[in-house]
Amino acid sequence: MMDPTAQANAPNGDTGTDAARLGQEMKRLHRLISSRVLLNMQDELQDHDLTFTQMTALHQLRAQAPLTVSALAERARLSLPAASHLVERLVRRGFAERRENPENRREKLVVPTAQGLDVVTRMDAQFIGAYEAAFREVRPETIRAATAAVRALVAEVGSGPGCAPPSQEDS
């Protein structure tokens, strides 16, 4: 059995228990904020007549475009036919466009249009606004400590396997 001090200082420490505690605290935080976030998301989706899956695809395209339909299907967890249909709807509505892949002329790449990026950017602003409103009365030193802790978490989690690269707009 490992010494508790050594275990706490090990790179992964007692991550199961610590991760569970953090997960519970994140759940509590999410409960405080989620109603604002979800209402704003619902409004944005309804304003543009978008499904949650279409919005997810636009987020993936913003973060990683250009993507093939196959790559988008994988990232959005859709079948290839479903992704193809989704892309067709986004293209018809002006949120995405298909381009020829210069490396493989038989393959099409999908990219978000300015209109598609605008929708995602507005949703991000509403998401951030919900957090800002919730944190408005929190002491500045608590905000600074939380910011540093979240940055450290993002740096470690974001470099892990299965994590999407950050969007160019994240900073």
C-alpha atoms as a PDB file:
ATOM      1  CA  MET A   1       0.000   0.000   0.000  1.00  0.00           C
ATOM      2  CA  MET A   2       1.301   3.446  -0.932  1.00  0.00           C
ATOM      3  CA  ASP A   3       2.136   6.081   1.690  1.00  0.00           C
ATOM      4  CA  PRO A   4      -0.779   8.645   1.726  1.00  0.00           C
ATOM      5  CA  THR A   5       1.640  11.603   1.366  1.00  0.00           C
ATOM      6  CA  ALA A   6       3.417   9.981  -1.560  1.00  0.00           C
ATOM      7  CA  GLN A   7       0.055   9.106  -3.091  1.00  0.00           C
ATOM      8  CA  ALA A   8      -1.190  12.706  -2.729  1.00  0.00           C
ATOM      9  CA  ASN A   9       1.978  14.026  -4.377  1.00  0.00           C
ATOM     10  CA  ALA A  10       2.036  11.437  -7.140  1.00  0.00           C
ATOM     11  CA  PRO A  11       1.180  12.783 -10.597  1.00  0.00           C
ATOM     12  CA  ASN A  12      -2.216  11.122 -10.540  1.00  0.00           C
ATOM     13  CA  GLY A  13      -2.634  10.923  -6.735  1.00  0.00           C
ATOM     14  CA  ASP A  14      -5.985   9.567  -5.581  1.00  0.00           C
ATOM     15  CA  THR A  15      -7.643  10.835  -8.738  1.00  0.00           C
ATOM     16  CA  GLY A  16     -10.685   8.616  -8.454  1.00  0.00           C
ATOM     17  CA  THR A  17     -11.797  10.148  -5.183  1.00  0.00           C
ATOM     18  CA  ASP A  18     -10.522  13.637  -6.008  1.00  0.00           C
ATOM     19  CA  ALA A  19     -12.085  13.541  -9.462  1.00  0.00           C
ATOM     20  CA  ALA A  20     -15.378  12.387  -7.944  1.00  0.00           C
ATOM     21  CA  ARG A  21     -15.303  15.285  -5.471  1.00  0.00           C
ATOM     22  CA  LEU A  22     -14.532  17.763  -8.237  1.00  0.00           C
ATOM     23  CA  GLY A  23     -17.289  16.236 -10.335  1.00  0.00           C
ATOM     24  CA  GLN A  24     -19.771  16.734  -7.498  1.00  0.00           C
ATOM     25  CA  GLU A  25     -18.714  20.371  -7.064  1.00  0.00           C
ATOM     26  CA  MET A  26     -18.950  20.968 -10.819  1.00  0.00           C
ATOM     27  CA  LYS A  27     -22.441  19.440 -10.728  1.00  0.00           C
ATOM     28  CA  ARG A  28     -23.428  21.865  -7.956  1.00  0.00           C
ATOM     29  CA  LEU A  29     -22.032  24.788  -9.952  1.00  0.00           C
ATOM     30  CA  HIS A  30     -23.794  23.575 -13.083  1.00  0.00           C
ATOM     31  CA  ARG A  31     -27.116  23.460 -11.233  1.00  0.00           C
ATOM     32  CA  LEU A  32     -26.690  27.108 -10.277  1.00  0.00           C
ATOM     33  CA  ILE A  33     -25.970  28.184 -13.858  1.00  0.00           C
ATOM     34  CA  SER A  34     -27.655  25.662 -16.144  1.00  0.00           C
ATOM     35  CA  SER A  35     -31.118  27.202 -16.232  1.00  0.00           C
ATOM     36  CA  ARG A  36     -29.713  30.467 -17.604  1.00  0.00           C
ATOM     37  CA  VAL A  37     -27.433  28.695 -20.062  1.00  0.00           C
ATOM     38  CA  LEU A  38     -30.089  26.288 -21.298  1.00  0.00           C
ATOM     39  CA  LEU A  39     -32.722  28.991 -21.741  1.00  0.00           C
ATOM     40  CA  ASN A  40     -30.277  31.082 -23.765  1.00  0.00           C
ATOM     41  CA  MET A  41     -29.299  28.031 -25.820  1.00  0.00           C
ATOM     42  CA  GLN A  42     -32.927  27.171 -26.430  1.00  0.00           C
ATOM     43  CA  ASP A  43     -33.626  30.731 -27.598  1.00  0.00           C
ATOM     44  CA  GLU A  44     -30.668  30.682 -29.988  1.00  0.00           C
ATOM     45  CA  LEU A  45     -31.617  27.286 -31.416  1.00  0.00           C
ATOM     46  CA  GLN A  46     -35.227  28.384 -31.908  1.00  0.00           C
ATOM     47  CA  ASP A  47     -34.236  31.740 -33.412  1.00  0.00           C
ATOM     48  CA  HIS A  48     -32.256  29.933 -36.107  1.00  0.00           C
ATOM     49  CA  ASP A  49     -34.400  26.788 -36.279  1.00  0.00           C
ATOM     50  CA  LEU A  50     -31.381  24.626 -35.460  1.00  0.00           C
ATOM     51  CA  THR A  51     -31.309  21.276 -33.725  1.00  0.00           C
ATOM     52  CA  PHE A  52     -28.913  20.571 -30.896  1.00  0.00           C
ATOM     53  CA  THR A  53     -27.008  18.201 -33.219  1.00  0.00           C
ATOM     54  CA  GLN A  54     -26.676  20.908 -35.873  1.00  0.00           C
ATOM     55  CA  MET A  55     -25.330  23.315 -33.262  1.00  0.00           C
ATOM     56  CA  THR A  56     -22.894  20.656 -32.090  1.00  0.00           C
ATOM     57  CA  ALA A  57     -21.712  20.243 -35.690  1.00  0.00           C
ATOM     58  CA  LEU A  58     -21.216  23.999 -36.041  1.00  0.00           C
ATOM     59  CA  HIS A  59     -19.111  23.996 -32.869  1.00  0.00           C
ATOM     60  CA  GLN A  60     -17.026  21.120 -34.250  1.00  0.00           C
ATOM     61  CA  LEU A  61     -16.584  22.928 -37.550  1.00  0.00           C
ATOM     62  CA  ARG A  62     -15.516  26.129 -35.831  1.00  0.00           C
ATOM     63  CA  ALA A  63     -12.954  24.265 -33.753  1.00  0.00           C
ATOM     64  CA  GLN A  64     -11.546  21.943 -36.416  1.00  0.00           C
ATOM     65  CA  ALA A  65     -12.585  22.953 -39.940  1.00  0.00           C
ATOM     66  CA  PRO A  66     -12.146  22.021 -42.606  1.00  0.00           C
ATOM     67  CA  LEU A  67     -13.553  18.564 -41.939  1.00  0.00           C
ATOM     68  CA  THR A  68     -14.674  15.811 -44.230  1.00  0.00           C
ATOM     69  CA  VAL A  69     -18.237  14.627 -43.716  1.00  0.00           C
ATOM     70  CA  SER A  70     -16.763  11.395 -42.315  1.00  0.00           C
ATOM     71  CA  ALA A  71     -14.646  13.277 -39.781  1.00  0.00           C
ATOM     72  CA  LEU A  72     -17.605  15.428 -38.781  1.00  0.00           C
ATOM     73  CA  ALA A  73     -19.739  12.301 -38.383  1.00  0.00           C
ATOM     74  CA  GLU A  74     -17.154  10.823 -36.041  1.00  0.00           C
ATOM     75  CA  ARG A  75     -16.769  13.989 -33.971  1.00  0.00           C
ATOM     76  CA  ALA A  76     -20.533  14.571 -33.717  1.00  0.00           C
ATOM     77  CA  ARG A  77     -21.181  10.857 -33.068  1.00  0.00           C
ATOM     78  CA  LEU A  78     -23.428  10.445 -36.080  1.00  0.00           C
ATOM     79  CA  SER A  79     -23.736   7.842 -38.787  1.00  0.00           C
ATOM     80  CA  LEU A  80     -22.281   8.875 -42.117  1.00  0.00           C
ATOM     81  CA  PRO A  81     -25.754   9.186 -43.736  1.00  0.00           C
ATOM     82  CA  ALA A  82     -27.006  11.300 -40.810  1.00  0.00           C
ATOM     83  CA  ALA A  83     -23.942  13.553 -41.005  1.00  0.00           C
ATOM     84  CA  SER A  84     -24.346  13.904 -44.746  1.00  0.00           C
ATOM     85  CA  HIS A  85     -27.980  14.952 -44.290  1.00  0.00           C
ATOM     86  CA  LEU A  86     -27.008  17.355 -41.490  1.00  0.00           C
ATOM     87  CA  VAL A  87     -24.337  18.974 -43.688  1.00  0.00           C
ATOM     88  CA  GLU A  88     -26.818  19.304 -46.545  1.00  0.00           C
ATOM     89  CA  ARG A  89     -29.257  21.159 -44.265  1.00  0.00           C
ATOM     90  CA  LEU A  90     -26.515  23.442 -42.903  1.00  0.00           C
ATOM     91  CA  VAL A  91     -25.347  24.221 -46.443  1.00  0.00           C
ATOM     92  CA  ARG A  92     -28.883  24.936 -47.703  1.00  0.00           C
ATOM     93  CA  ARG A  93     -29.463  27.307 -44.806  1.00  0.00           C
ATOM     94  CA  GLY A  94     -26.159  29.140 -45.262  1.00  0.00           C
ATOM     95  CA  PHE A  95     -24.450  27.968 -42.057  1.00  0.00           C
ATOM     96  CA  ALA A  96     -21.789  25.822 -43.764  1.00  0.00           C
ATOM     97  CA  GLU A  97     -20.316  25.255 -47.192  1.00  0.00           C
ATOM     98  CA  ARG A  98     -18.647  22.401 -49.005  1.00  0.00           C
ATOM     99  CA  ARG A  99     -15.297  22.873 -50.679  1.00  0.00           C
ATOM    100  CA  GLU A 100     -13.246  20.592 -52.849  1.00  0.00           C
ATOM    101  CA  ASN A 101     -10.374  18.930 -51.022  1.00  0.00           C
ATOM    102  CA  PRO A 102      -7.247  19.998 -52.939  1.00  0.00           C
ATOM    103  CA  GLU A 103      -5.507  16.789 -51.844  1.00  0.00           C
ATOM    104  CA  ASN A 104      -8.356  14.504 -52.971  1.00  0.00           C
ATOM    105  CA  ARG A 105     -10.694  15.986 -55.570  1.00  0.00           C
ATOM    106  CA  ARG A 106     -13.306  13.263 -54.957  1.00  0.00           C
ATOM    107  CA  GLU A 107     -13.647  14.353 -51.347  1.00  0.00           C
ATOM    108  CA  LYS A 108     -15.485  17.418 -50.051  1.00  0.00           C
ATOM    109  CA  LEU A 109     -14.499  19.450 -47.031  1.00  0.00           C
ATOM    110  CA  VAL A 110     -17.044  21.229 -44.851  1.00  0.00           C
ATOM    111  CA  VAL A 111     -16.395  24.648 -43.329  1.00  0.00           C
ATOM    112  CA  PRO A 112     -18.640  27.025 -41.405  1.00  0.00           C
ATOM    113  CA  THR A 113     -19.758  30.191 -43.167  1.00  0.00           C
ATOM    114  CA  ALA A 114     -19.611  33.629 -41.572  1.00  0.00           C
ATOM    115  CA  GLN A 115     -23.306  33.187 -40.726  1.00  0.00           C
ATOM    116  CA  GLY A 116     -22.604  29.828 -39.050  1.00  0.00           C
ATOM    117  CA  LEU A 117     -19.707  31.274 -37.066  1.00  0.00           C
ATOM    118  CA  ASP A 118     -21.885  34.200 -36.015  1.00  0.00           C
ATOM    119  CA  VAL A 119     -24.508  31.867 -34.520  1.00  0.00           C
ATOM    120  CA  VAL A 120     -21.881  29.950 -32.542  1.00  0.00           C
ATOM    121  CA  THR A 121     -20.199  33.167 -31.396  1.00  0.00           C
ATOM    122  CA  ARG A 122     -23.508  34.603 -30.174  1.00  0.00           C
ATOM    123  CA  MET A 123     -24.232  31.402 -28.288  1.00  0.00           C
ATOM    124  CA  ASP A 124     -20.784  31.601 -26.683  1.00  0.00           C
ATOM    125  CA  ALA A 125     -21.465  35.194 -25.624  1.00  0.00           C
ATOM    126  CA  GLN A 126     -24.756  34.164 -24.023  1.00  0.00           C
ATOM    127  CA  PHE A 127     -23.051  31.247 -22.282  1.00  0.00           C
ATOM    128  CA  ILE A 128     -20.355  33.537 -20.880  1.00  0.00           C
ATOM    129  CA  GLY A 129     -22.996  36.094 -19.926  1.00  0.00           C
ATOM    130  CA  ALA A 130     -24.825  33.501 -17.839  1.00  0.00           C
ATOM    131  CA  TYR A 131     -21.640  32.780 -15.906  1.00  0.00           C
ATOM    132  CA  GLU A 132     -20.838  36.485 -15.534  1.00  0.00           C
ATOM    133  CA  ALA A 133     -24.299  37.139 -14.113  1.00  0.00           C
ATOM    134  CA  ALA A 134     -23.957  34.239 -11.669  1.00  0.00           C
ATOM    135  CA  PHE A 135     -20.482  35.352 -10.555  1.00  0.00           C
ATOM    136  CA  ARG A 136     -21.316  39.067 -10.308  1.00  0.00           C
ATOM    137  CA  GLU A 137     -21.475  39.042  -6.486  1.00  0.00           C
ATOM    138  CA  VAL A 138     -18.471  36.766  -5.934  1.00  0.00           C
ATOM    139  CA  ARG A 139     -15.407  38.308  -4.295  1.00  0.00           C
ATOM    140  CA  PRO A 140     -12.601  39.238  -6.759  1.00  0.00           C
ATOM    141  CA  GLU A 141     -10.041  37.054  -4.980  1.00  0.00           C
ATOM    142  CA  THR A 142     -12.369  34.050  -5.275  1.00  0.00           C
ATOM    143  CA  ILE A 143     -12.825  34.774  -8.990  1.00  0.00           C
ATOM    144  CA  ARG A 144      -9.045  35.024  -9.518  1.00  0.00           C
ATOM    145  CA  ALA A 145      -8.402  31.754  -7.644  1.00  0.00           C
ATOM    146  CA  ALA A 146     -11.157  29.967  -9.577  1.00  0.00           C
ATOM    147  CA  THR A 147      -9.819  31.328 -12.881  1.00  0.00           C
ATOM    148  CA  ALA A 148      -6.334  30.010 -12.112  1.00  0.00           C
ATOM    149  CA  ALA A 149      -7.699  26.624 -11.047  1.00  0.00           C
ATOM    150  CA  VAL A 150      -9.905  26.262 -14.126  1.00  0.00           C
ATOM    151  CA  ARG A 151      -7.014  27.260 -16.425  1.00  0.00           C
ATOM    152  CA  ALA A 152      -4.866  24.563 -14.821  1.00  0.00           C
ATOM    153  CA  LEU A 153      -7.652  21.996 -15.259  1.00  0.00           C
ATOM    154  CA  VAL A 154      -8.184  22.956 -18.907  1.00  0.00           C
ATOM    155  CA  ALA A 155      -4.440  22.699 -19.580  1.00  0.00           C
ATOM    156  CA  GLU A 156      -4.311  19.156 -18.191  1.00  0.00           C
ATOM    157  CA  VAL A 157      -7.649  17.887 -19.468  1.00  0.00           C
ATOM    158  CA  GLY A 158      -7.201  19.511 -22.884  1.00  0.00           C
ATOM    159  CA  SER A 159      -3.961  17.657 -23.482  1.00  0.00           C
ATOM    160  CA  GLY A 160      -5.481  14.278 -22.660  1.00  0.00           C
ATOM    161  CA  PRO A 161      -6.488  11.576 -25.107  1.00  0.00           C
ATOM    162  CA  GLY A 162      -9.832  12.048 -26.804  1.00  0.00           C
ATOM    163  CA  CYS A 163      -9.936  15.800 -26.202  1.00  0.00           C
ATOM    164  CA  ALA A 164     -10.727  18.101 -29.078  1.00  0.00           C
ATOM    165  CA  PRO A 165      -8.205  20.838 -29.793  1.00  0.00           C
ATOM    166  CA  PRO A 166      -9.374  24.195 -28.494  1.00  0.00           C
ATOM    167  CA  SER A 167     -11.178  26.576 -30.792  1.00  0.00           C
ATOM    168  CA  GLN A 168      -9.216  29.469 -32.198  1.00  0.00           C
ATOM    169  CA  GLU A 169     -11.582  31.754 -30.301  1.00  0.00           C
ATOM    170  CA  ASP A 170     -10.772  30.206 -26.919  1.00  0.00           C
ATOM    171  CA  SER A 171      -8.161  32.111 -24.998  1.00  0.00           C
END
